Amino acid sequence: TATVGIVTAERDSVLRVPDQALRYLPTGASVAPKSSKG
């Protein structure tokens, strides 16, 4: 029995941030909506 991971998309040597950084919000800060440019 094998547990398989298939790479469907890949980027090498790109600027990246942890996903936790996208979900973090300082205490007391308001949630700002995304701009029209995404």
All heavy atoms as atom14 arrays in JSON, in Angstrom:
{
  "sequence": "TATVGIVTAERDSVLRVPDQALRYLPTGASVAPKSSKG",
  "atom14_mask": [
    [1, 1, 1, 1, 1, 1, 1, 0, 0, 0, 0, 0, 0, 0],
    [1, 1, 1, 1, 1, 0, 0, 0, 0, 0, 0, 0, 0, 0],
    [1, 1, 1, 1, 1, 1, 1, 0, 0, 0, 0, 0, 0, 0],
    [1, 1, 1, 1, 1, 1, 1, 0, 0, 0, 0, 0, 0, 0],
    [1, 1, 1, 1, 0, 0, 0, 0, 0, 0, 0, 0, 0, 0],
    [1, 1, 1, 1, 1, 1, 1, 1, 0, 0, 0, 0, 0, 0],
    [1, 1, 1, 1, 1, 1, 1, 0, 0, 0, 0, 0, 0, 0],
    [1, 1, 1, 1, 1, 1, 1, 0, 0, 0, 0, 0, 0, 0],
    [1, 1, 1, 1, 1, 0, 0, 0, 0, 0, 0, 0, 0, 0],
    [1, 1, 1, 1, 1, 1, 1, 1, 1, 0, 0, 0, 0, 0],
    [1, 1, 1, 1, 1, 1, 1, 1, 1, 1, 1, 0, 0, 0],
    [1, 1, 1, 1, 1, 1, 1, 1, 0, 0, 0, 0, 0, 0],
    [1, 1, 1, 1, 1, 1, 0, 0, 0, 0, 0, 0, 0, 0],
    [1, 1, 1, 1, 1, 1, 1, 0, 0, 0, 0, 0, 0, 0],
    [1, 1, 1, 1, 1, 1, 1, 1, 0, 0, 0, 0, 0, 0],
    [1, 1, 1, 1, 1, 1, 1, 1, 1, 1, 1, 0, 0, 0],
    [1, 1, 1, 1, 1, 1, 1, 0, 0, 0, 0, 0, 0, 0],
    [1, 1, 1, 1, 1, 1, 1, 0, 0, 0, 0, 0, 0, 0],
    [1, 1, 1, 1, 1, 1, 1, 1, 0, 0, 0, 0, 0, 0],
    [1, 1, 1, 1, 1, 1, 1, 1, 1, 0, 0, 0, 0, 0],
    [1, 1, 1, 1, 1, 0, 0, 0, 0, 0, 0, 0, 0, 0],
    [1, 1, 1, 1, 1, 1, 1, 1, 0, 0, 0, 0, 0, 0],
    [1, 1, 1, 1, 1, 1, 1, 1, 1, 1, 1, 0, 0, 0],
    [1, 1, 1, 1, 1, 1, 1, 1, 1, 1, 1, 1, 0, 0],
    [1, 1, 1, 1, 1, 1, 1, 1, 0, 0, 0, 0, 0, 0],
    [1, 1, 1, 1, 1, 1, 1, 0, 0, 0, 0, 0, 0, 0],
    [1, 1, 1, 1, 1, 1, 1, 0, 0, 0, 0, 0, 0, 0],
    [1, 1, 1, 1, 0, 0, 0, 0, 0, 0, 0, 0, 0, 0],
    [1, 1, 1, 1, 1, 0, 0, 0, 0, 0, 0, 0, 0, 0],
    [1, 1, 1, 1, 1, 1, 0, 0, 0, 0, 0, 0, 0, 0],
    [1, 1, 1, 1, 1, 1, 1, 0, 0, 0, 0, 0, 0, 0],
    [1, 1, 1, 1, 1, 0, 0, 0, 0, 0, 0, 0, 0, 0],
    [1, 1, 1, 1, 1, 1, 1, 0, 0, 0, 0, 0, 0, 0],
    [1, 1, 1, 1, 1, 1, 1, 1, 1, 0, 0, 0, 0, 0],
    [1, 1, 1, 1, 1, 1, 0, 0, 0, 0, 0, 0, 0, 0],
    [1, 1, 1, 1, 1, 1, 0, 0, 0, 0, 0, 0, 0, 0],
    [1, 1, 1, 1, 1, 1, 1, 1, 1, 0, 0, 0, 0, 0],
    [1, 1, 1, 1, 0, 0, 0, 0, 0, 0, 0, 0, 0, 0]
  ],
  "atom14_positions": [
    [[0.85, -1.19, 0.0], [0.0, 0.0, 0.0], [0.89, 1.24, 0.0], [1.78, 1.36, 0.83], [-0.92, 0.02, 1.22], [-1.75, -1.15, 1.19], [-1.81, 1.25, 1.21], [0.0, 0.0, 0.0], [0.0, 0.0, 0.0], [0.0, 0.0, 0.0], [0.0, 0.0, 0.0], [0.0, 0.0, 0.0], [0.0, 0.0, 0.0], [0.0, 0.0, 0.0]],
    [[0.62, 2.15, -0.93], [1.44, 3.35, -1.1], [0.59, 4.6, -0.88], [-0.56, 4.65, -1.29], [2.06, 3.39, -2.49], [0.0, 0.0, 0.0], [0.0, 0.0, 0.0], [0.0, 0.0, 0.0], [0.0, 0.0, 0.0], [0.0, 0.0, 0.0], [0.0, 0.0, 0.0], [0.0, 0.0, 0.0], [0.0, 0.0, 0.0], [0.0, 0.0, 0.0]],
    [[1.19, 5.57, -0.22], [0.59, 6.91, -0.09], [1.31, 7.82, -1.07], [2.51, 8.08, -0.93], [0.74, 7.44, 1.34], [0.1, 6.53, 2.25], [0.08, 8.8, 1.47], [0.0, 0.0, 0.0], [0.0, 0.0, 0.0], [0.0, 0.0, 0.0], [0.0, 0.0, 0.0], [0.0, 0.0, 0.0], [0.0, 0.0, 0.0], [0.0, 0.0, 0.0]],
    [[0.59, 8.29, -2.08], [1.17, 8.96, -3.23], [0.89, 10.46, -3.16], [-0.22, 10.88, -2.81], [0.62, 8.39, -4.54], [1.35, 8.97, -5.75], [0.73, 6.87, -4.55], [0.0, 0.0, 0.0], [0.0, 0.0, 0.0], [0.0, 0.0, 0.0], [0.0, 0.0, 0.0], [0.0, 0.0, 0.0], [0.0, 0.0, 0.0], [0.0, 0.0, 0.0]],
    [[1.91, 11.24, -3.49], [1.75, 12.68, -3.66], [2.11, 13.05, -5.09], [3.25, 12.83, -5.52], [0.0, 0.0, 0.0], [0.0, 0.0, 0.0], [0.0, 0.0, 0.0], [0.0, 0.0, 0.0], [0.0, 0.0, 0.0], [0.0, 0.0, 0.0], [0.0, 0.0, 0.0], [0.0, 0.0, 0.0], [0.0, 0.0, 0.0], [0.0, 0.0, 0.0]],
    [[1.15, 13.58, -5.84], [1.35, 13.93, -7.24], [1.45, 15.45, -7.35], [0.53, 16.17, -6.93], [0.2, 13.4, -8.11], [0.08, 11.87, -7.96], [0.41, 13.77, -9.58], [-1.14, 11.29, -8.64], [0.0, 0.0, 0.0], [0.0, 0.0, 0.0], [0.0, 0.0, 0.0], [0.0, 0.0, 0.0], [0.0, 0.0, 0.0], [0.0, 0.0, 0.0]],
    [[2.55, 15.94, -7.89], [2.78, 17.37, -8.03], [2.04, 17.86, -9.27], [2.38, 17.52, -10.4], [4.28, 17.69, -8.14], [4.5, 19.19, -8.3], [5.03, 17.16, -6.92], [0.0, 0.0, 0.0], [0.0, 0.0, 0.0], [0.0, 0.0, 0.0], [0.0, 0.0, 0.0], [0.0, 0.0, 0.0], [0.0, 0.0, 0.0], [0.0, 0.0, 0.0]],
    [[1.02, 18.69, -9.07], [0.22, 19.22, -10.18], [0.67, 20.6, -10.63], [0.37, 21.01, -11.75], [-1.26, 19.27, -9.79], [-1.42, 20.1, -8.63], [-1.77, 17.87, -9.46], [0.0, 0.0, 0.0], [0.0, 0.0, 0.0], [0.0, 0.0, 0.0], [0.0, 0.0, 0.0], [0.0, 0.0, 0.0], [0.0, 0.0, 0.0], [0.0, 0.0, 0.0]],
    [[1.36, 21.33, -9.77], [1.9, 22.65, -10.13], [3.1, 22.93, -9.24], [3.1, 22.56, -8.05], [0.85, 23.74, -9.98], [0.0, 0.0, 0.0], [0.0, 0.0, 0.0], [0.0, 0.0, 0.0], [0.0, 0.0, 0.0], [0.0, 0.0, 0.0], [0.0, 0.0, 0.0], [0.0, 0.0, 0.0], [0.0, 0.0, 0.0], [0.0, 0.0, 0.0]],
    [[4.11, 23.59, -9.79], [5.35, 23.8, -9.03], [6.01, 25.09, -9.47], [6.03, 25.41, -10.66], [6.29, 22.62, -9.24], [7.53, 22.63, -8.36], [8.36, 21.38, -8.54], [8.17, 20.68, -9.56], [9.2, 21.11, -7.67], [0.0, 0.0, 0.0], [0.0, 0.0, 0.0], [0.0, 0.0, 0.0], [0.0, 0.0, 0.0], [0.0, 0.0, 0.0]],
    [[6.53, 25.83, -8.5], [7.31, 27.04, -8.76], [8.61, 26.93, -7.97], [8.6, 26.6, -6.79], [6.55, 28.29, -8.31], [5.17, 28.45, -8.92], [5.21, 28.93, -10.35], [3.87, 29.32, -10.77], [2.96, 28.47, -11.24], [3.26, 27.19, -11.36], [1.77, 28.91, -11.62], [0.0, 0.0, 0.0], [0.0, 0.0, 0.0], [0.0, 0.0, 0.0]],
    [[9.72, 27.23, -8.62], [11.03, 27.16, -7.98], [11.59, 28.56, -7.81], [11.42, 29.44, -8.67], [12.0, 26.31, -8.82], [11.6, 24.84, -8.83], [11.07, 24.37, -7.81], [11.81, 24.18, -9.87], [0.0, 0.0, 0.0], [0.0, 0.0, 0.0], [0.0, 0.0, 0.0], [0.0, 0.0, 0.0], [0.0, 0.0, 0.0], [0.0, 0.0, 0.0]],
    [[12.28, 28.77, -6.69], [12.99, 30.02, -6.39], [12.07, 31.23, -6.51], [12.37, 32.22, -7.19], [14.2, 30.18, -7.33], [15.11, 29.12, -7.14], [0.0, 0.0, 0.0], [0.0, 0.0, 0.0], [0.0, 0.0, 0.0], [0.0, 0.0, 0.0], [0.0, 0.0, 0.0], [0.0, 0.0, 0.0], [0.0, 0.0, 0.0], [0.0, 0.0, 0.0]],
    [[10.9, 31.14, -5.87], [9.96, 32.26, -5.86], [9.86, 32.8, -4.44], [10.14, 32.11, -3.46], [8.57, 31.82, -6.37], [8.64, 31.39, -7.82], [7.99, 30.71, -5.49], [0.0, 0.0, 0.0], [0.0, 0.0, 0.0], [0.0, 0.0, 0.0], [0.0, 0.0, 0.0], [0.0, 0.0, 0.0], [0.0, 0.0, 0.0], [0.0, 0.0, 0.0]],
    [[9.46, 34.06, -4.32], [9.25, 34.67, -3.01], [7.99, 34.07, -2.4], [6.93, 34.01, -3.06], [9.09, 36.18, -3.14], [8.93, 36.96, -1.83], [10.17, 36.79, -0.96], [8.66, 38.43, -2.12], [0.0, 0.0, 0.0], [0.0, 0.0, 0.0], [0.0, 0.0, 0.0], [0.0, 0.0, 0.0], [0.0, 0.0, 0.0], [0.0, 0.0, 0.0]],
    [[8.09, 33.59, -1.17], [6.97, 32.9, -0.54], [6.85, 33.32, 0.92], [7.83, 33.73, 1.55], [7.14, 31.39, -0.64], [8.35, 30.86, 0.13], [8.51, 29.37, 0.0], [9.57, 28.87, 0.89], [9.89, 27.59, 1.02], [9.26, 26.68, 0.3], [10.85, 27.22, 1.85], [0.0, 0.0, 0.0], [0.0, 0.0, 0.0], [0.0, 0.0, 0.0]],
    [[5.62, 33.2, 1.43], [5.35, 33.47, 2.84], [4.54, 32.32, 3.4], [3.8, 31.64, 2.66], [4.58, 34.8, 3.02], [5.43, 35.97, 2.6], [3.27, 34.77, 2.25], [0.0, 0.0, 0.0], [0.0, 0.0, 0.0], [0.0, 0.0, 0.0], [0.0, 0.0, 0.0], [0.0, 0.0, 0.0], [0.0, 0.0, 0.0], [0.0, 0.0, 0.0]],
    [[4.64, 32.05, 4.7], [3.81, 30.99, 5.3], [2.33, 31.35, 5.21], [1.94, 32.53, 5.26], [4.3, 30.93, 6.75], [5.63, 31.57, 6.74], [5.59, 32.61, 5.68], [0.0, 0.0, 0.0], [0.0, 0.0, 0.0], [0.0, 0.0, 0.0], [0.0, 0.0, 0.0], [0.0, 0.0, 0.0], [0.0, 0.0, 0.0], [0.0, 0.0, 0.0]],
    [[1.49, 30.34, 5.08], [0.05, 30.58, 5.0], [-0.48, 31.24, 6.27], [-1.48, 31.96, 6.23], [-0.68, 29.26, 4.76], [-0.52, 28.79, 3.33], [0.04, 29.54, 2.52], [-0.98, 27.66, 3.02], [0.0, 0.0, 0.0], [0.0, 0.0, 0.0], [0.0, 0.0, 0.0], [0.0, 0.0, 0.0], [0.0, 0.0, 0.0], [0.0, 0.0, 0.0]],
    [[0.17, 31.02, 7.43], [-0.28, 31.65, 8.67], [-0.21, 33.17, 8.59], [-1.01, 33.87, 9.21], [0.57, 31.16, 9.85], [0.32, 29.71, 10.23], [1.2, 29.28, 11.38], [2.18, 29.94, 11.7], [0.85, 28.17, 12.0], [0.0, 0.0, 0.0], [0.0, 0.0, 0.0], [0.0, 0.0, 0.0], [0.0, 0.0, 0.0], [0.0, 0.0, 0.0]],
    [[0.75, 33.68, 7.81], [0.89, 35.13, 7.7], [-0.32, 35.75, 7.0], [-0.67, 36.9, 7.28], [2.17, 35.48, 6.94], [0.0, 0.0, 0.0], [0.0, 0.0, 0.0], [0.0, 0.0, 0.0], [0.0, 0.0, 0.0], [0.0, 0.0, 0.0], [0.0, 0.0, 0.0], [0.0, 0.0, 0.0], [0.0, 0.0, 0.0], [0.0, 0.0, 0.0]],
    [[-0.96, 35.0, 6.11], [-2.12, 35.53, 5.41], [-3.35, 35.55, 6.3], [-4.3, 36.3, 6.03], [-2.4, 34.68, 4.16], [-1.26, 34.58, 3.13], [-1.67, 33.66, 1.99], [-0.88, 35.95, 2.61], [0.0, 0.0, 0.0], [0.0, 0.0, 0.0], [0.0, 0.0, 0.0], [0.0, 0.0, 0.0], [0.0, 0.0, 0.0], [0.0, 0.0, 0.0]],
    [[-3.35, 34.74, 7.35], [-4.52, 34.66, 8.23], [-4.35, 35.47, 9.52], [-5.3, 35.6, 10.29], [-4.81, 33.2, 8.58], [-5.15, 32.34, 7.38], [-5.65, 30.97, 7.81], [-4.59, 30.16, 8.37], [-3.87, 29.29, 7.67], [-4.09, 29.15, 6.38], [-2.94, 28.57, 8.26], [0.0, 0.0, 0.0], [0.0, 0.0, 0.0], [0.0, 0.0, 0.0]],
    [[-3.15, 36.0, 9.74], [-2.89, 36.73, 10.99], [-3.52, 38.12, 10.95], [-3.48, 38.81, 9.92], [-1.39, 36.84, 11.24], [-1.06, 37.79, 12.37], [-1.26, 37.43, 13.69], [-0.56, 39.06, 12.09], [-0.97, 38.31, 14.73], [-0.26, 39.94, 13.12], [-0.48, 39.56, 14.44], [-0.21, 40.43, 15.45], [0.0, 0.0, 0.0], [0.0, 0.0, 0.0]],
    [[-4.04, 38.56, 12.09], [-4.59, 39.9, 12.25], [-4.23, 40.38, 13.65], [-4.56, 39.71, 14.63], [-6.1, 39.89, 12.06], [-6.79, 41.26, 12.02], [-6.35, 42.04, 10.79], [-8.3, 41.1, 12.04], [0.0, 0.0, 0.0], [0.0, 0.0, 0.0], [0.0, 0.0, 0.0], [0.0, 0.0, 0.0], [0.0, 0.0, 0.0], [0.0, 0.0, 0.0]],
    [[-3.55, 41.53, 13.79], [-3.19, 42.02, 15.13], [-4.43, 42.29, 15.97], [-5.51, 42.59, 15.46], [-2.41, 43.31, 14.83], [-1.96, 43.18, 13.42], [-3.02, 42.39, 12.73], [0.0, 0.0, 0.0], [0.0, 0.0, 0.0], [0.0, 0.0, 0.0], [0.0, 0.0, 0.0], [0.0, 0.0, 0.0], [0.0, 0.0, 0.0], [0.0, 0.0, 0.0]],
    [[-4.25, 42.2, 17.27], [-5.35, 42.47, 18.19], [-5.82, 43.91, 18.03], [-5.03, 44.85, 18.05], [-4.9, 42.22, 19.63], [-4.46, 40.87, 19.75], [-6.05, 42.46, 20.6], [0.0, 0.0, 0.0], [0.0, 0.0, 0.0], [0.0, 0.0, 0.0], [0.0, 0.0, 0.0], [0.0, 0.0, 0.0], [0.0, 0.0, 0.0], [0.0, 0.0, 0.0]],
    [[-7.11, 44.06, 17.84], [-7.69, 45.39, 17.71], [-7.71, 45.92, 16.31], [-8.34, 46.95, 16.05], [0.0, 0.0, 0.0], [0.0, 0.0, 0.0], [0.0, 0.0, 0.0], [0.0, 0.0, 0.0], [0.0, 0.0, 0.0], [0.0, 0.0, 0.0], [0.0, 0.0, 0.0], [0.0, 0.0, 0.0], [0.0, 0.0, 0.0], [0.0, 0.0, 0.0]],
    [[-7.06, 45.23, 15.35], [-7.06, 45.7, 13.97], [-8.35, 45.27, 13.29], [-8.91, 44.21, 13.58], [-5.85, 45.17, 13.22], [0.0, 0.0, 0.0], [0.0, 0.0, 0.0], [0.0, 0.0, 0.0], [0.0, 0.0, 0.0], [0.0, 0.0, 0.0], [0.0, 0.0, 0.0], [0.0, 0.0, 0.0], [0.0, 0.0, 0.0], [0.0, 0.0, 0.0]],
    [[-8.8, 46.05, 12.36], [-10.02, 45.73, 11.6], [-9.64, 44.93, 10.35], [-8.54, 45.07, 9.82], [-10.75, 47.0, 11.19], [-9.9, 47.81, 10.39], [0.0, 0.0, 0.0], [0.0, 0.0, 0.0], [0.0, 0.0, 0.0], [0.0, 0.0, 0.0], [0.0, 0.0, 0.0], [0.0, 0.0, 0.0], [0.0, 0.0, 0.0], [0.0, 0.0, 0.0]],
    [[-10.57, 44.12, 9.92], [-10.35, 43.3, 8.72], [-10.59, 44.16, 7.5], [-11.69, 44.69, 7.31], [-11.26, 42.07, 8.71], [-11.02, 41.26, 7.47], [-11.03, 41.24, 9.96], [0.0, 0.0, 0.0], [0.0, 0.0, 0.0], [0.0, 0.0, 0.0], [0.0, 0.0, 0.0], [0.0, 0.0, 0.0], [0.0, 0.0, 0.0], [0.0, 0.0, 0.0]],
    [[-9.57, 44.29, 6.67], [-9.7, 45.1, 5.47], [-10.04, 44.21, 4.29], [-9.41, 43.17, 4.09], [-8.4, 45.86, 5.2], [0.0, 0.0, 0.0], [0.0, 0.0, 0.0], [0.0, 0.0, 0.0], [0.0, 0.0, 0.0], [0.0, 0.0, 0.0], [0.0, 0.0, 0.0], [0.0, 0.0, 0.0], [0.0, 0.0, 0.0], [0.0, 0.0, 0.0]],
    [[-11.04, 44.57, 3.47], [-11.38, 43.75, 2.31], [-10.29, 43.83, 1.25], [-9.5, 44.78, 1.21], [-12.68, 44.37, 1.82], [-12.61, 45.79, 2.27], [-11.9, 45.76, 3.58], [0.0, 0.0, 0.0], [0.0, 0.0, 0.0], [0.0, 0.0, 0.0], [0.0, 0.0, 0.0], [0.0, 0.0, 0.0], [0.0, 0.0, 0.0], [0.0, 0.0, 0.0]],
    [[-10.29, 42.85, 0.37], [-9.33, 42.85, -0.72], [-9.65, 43.98, -1.69], [-10.81, 44.33, -1.9], [-9.34, 41.5, -1.46], [-8.81, 40.35, -0.65], [-8.77, 39.09, -1.47], [-8.2, 37.92, -0.67], [-8.15, 36.68, -1.48], [0.0, 0.0, 0.0], [0.0, 0.0, 0.0], [0.0, 0.0, 0.0], [0.0, 0.0, 0.0], [0.0, 0.0, 0.0]],
    [[-8.59, 44.51, -2.28], [-8.79, 45.58, -3.24], [-9.28, 45.02, -4.56], [-9.34, 43.82, -4.75], [-7.47, 46.34, -3.43], [-6.52, 45.5, -4.07], [0.0, 0.0, 0.0], [0.0, 0.0, 0.0], [0.0, 0.0, 0.0], [0.0, 0.0, 0.0], [0.0, 0.0, 0.0], [0.0, 0.0, 0.0], [0.0, 0.0, 0.0], [0.0, 0.0, 0.0]],
    [[-9.62, 45.93, -5.46], [-10.13, 45.5, -6.75], [-9.09, 44.75, -7.57], [-9.42, 44.0, -8.47], [-10.63, 46.73, -7.54], [-9.54, 47.66, -7.71], [0.0, 0.0, 0.0], [0.0, 0.0, 0.0], [0.0, 0.0, 0.0], [0.0, 0.0, 0.0], [0.0, 0.0, 0.0], [0.0, 0.0, 0.0], [0.0, 0.0, 0.0], [0.0, 0.0, 0.0]],
    [[-7.84, 44.96, -7.23], [-6.77, 44.26, -7.95], [-6.47, 42.89, -7.35], [-5.53, 42.23, -7.77], [-5.5, 45.11, -7.95], [-5.65, 46.42, -8.7], [-4.35, 47.19, -8.71], [-4.48, 48.52, -9.47], [-3.21, 49.27, -9.48], [0.0, 0.0, 0.0], [0.0, 0.0, 0.0], [0.0, 0.0, 0.0], [0.0, 0.0, 0.0], [0.0, 0.0, 0.0]],
    [[-7.23, 42.47, -6.36], [-7.03, 41.16, -5.76], [-5.85, 41.09, -4.84], [-5.26, 40.02, -4.67], [0.0, 0.0, 0.0], [0.0, 0.0, 0.0], [0.0, 0.0, 0.0], [0.0, 0.0, 0.0], [0.0, 0.0, 0.0], [0.0, 0.0, 0.0], [0.0, 0.0, 0.0], [0.0, 0.0, 0.0], [0.0, 0.0, 0.0], [0.0, 0.0, 0.0]]
  ]
}
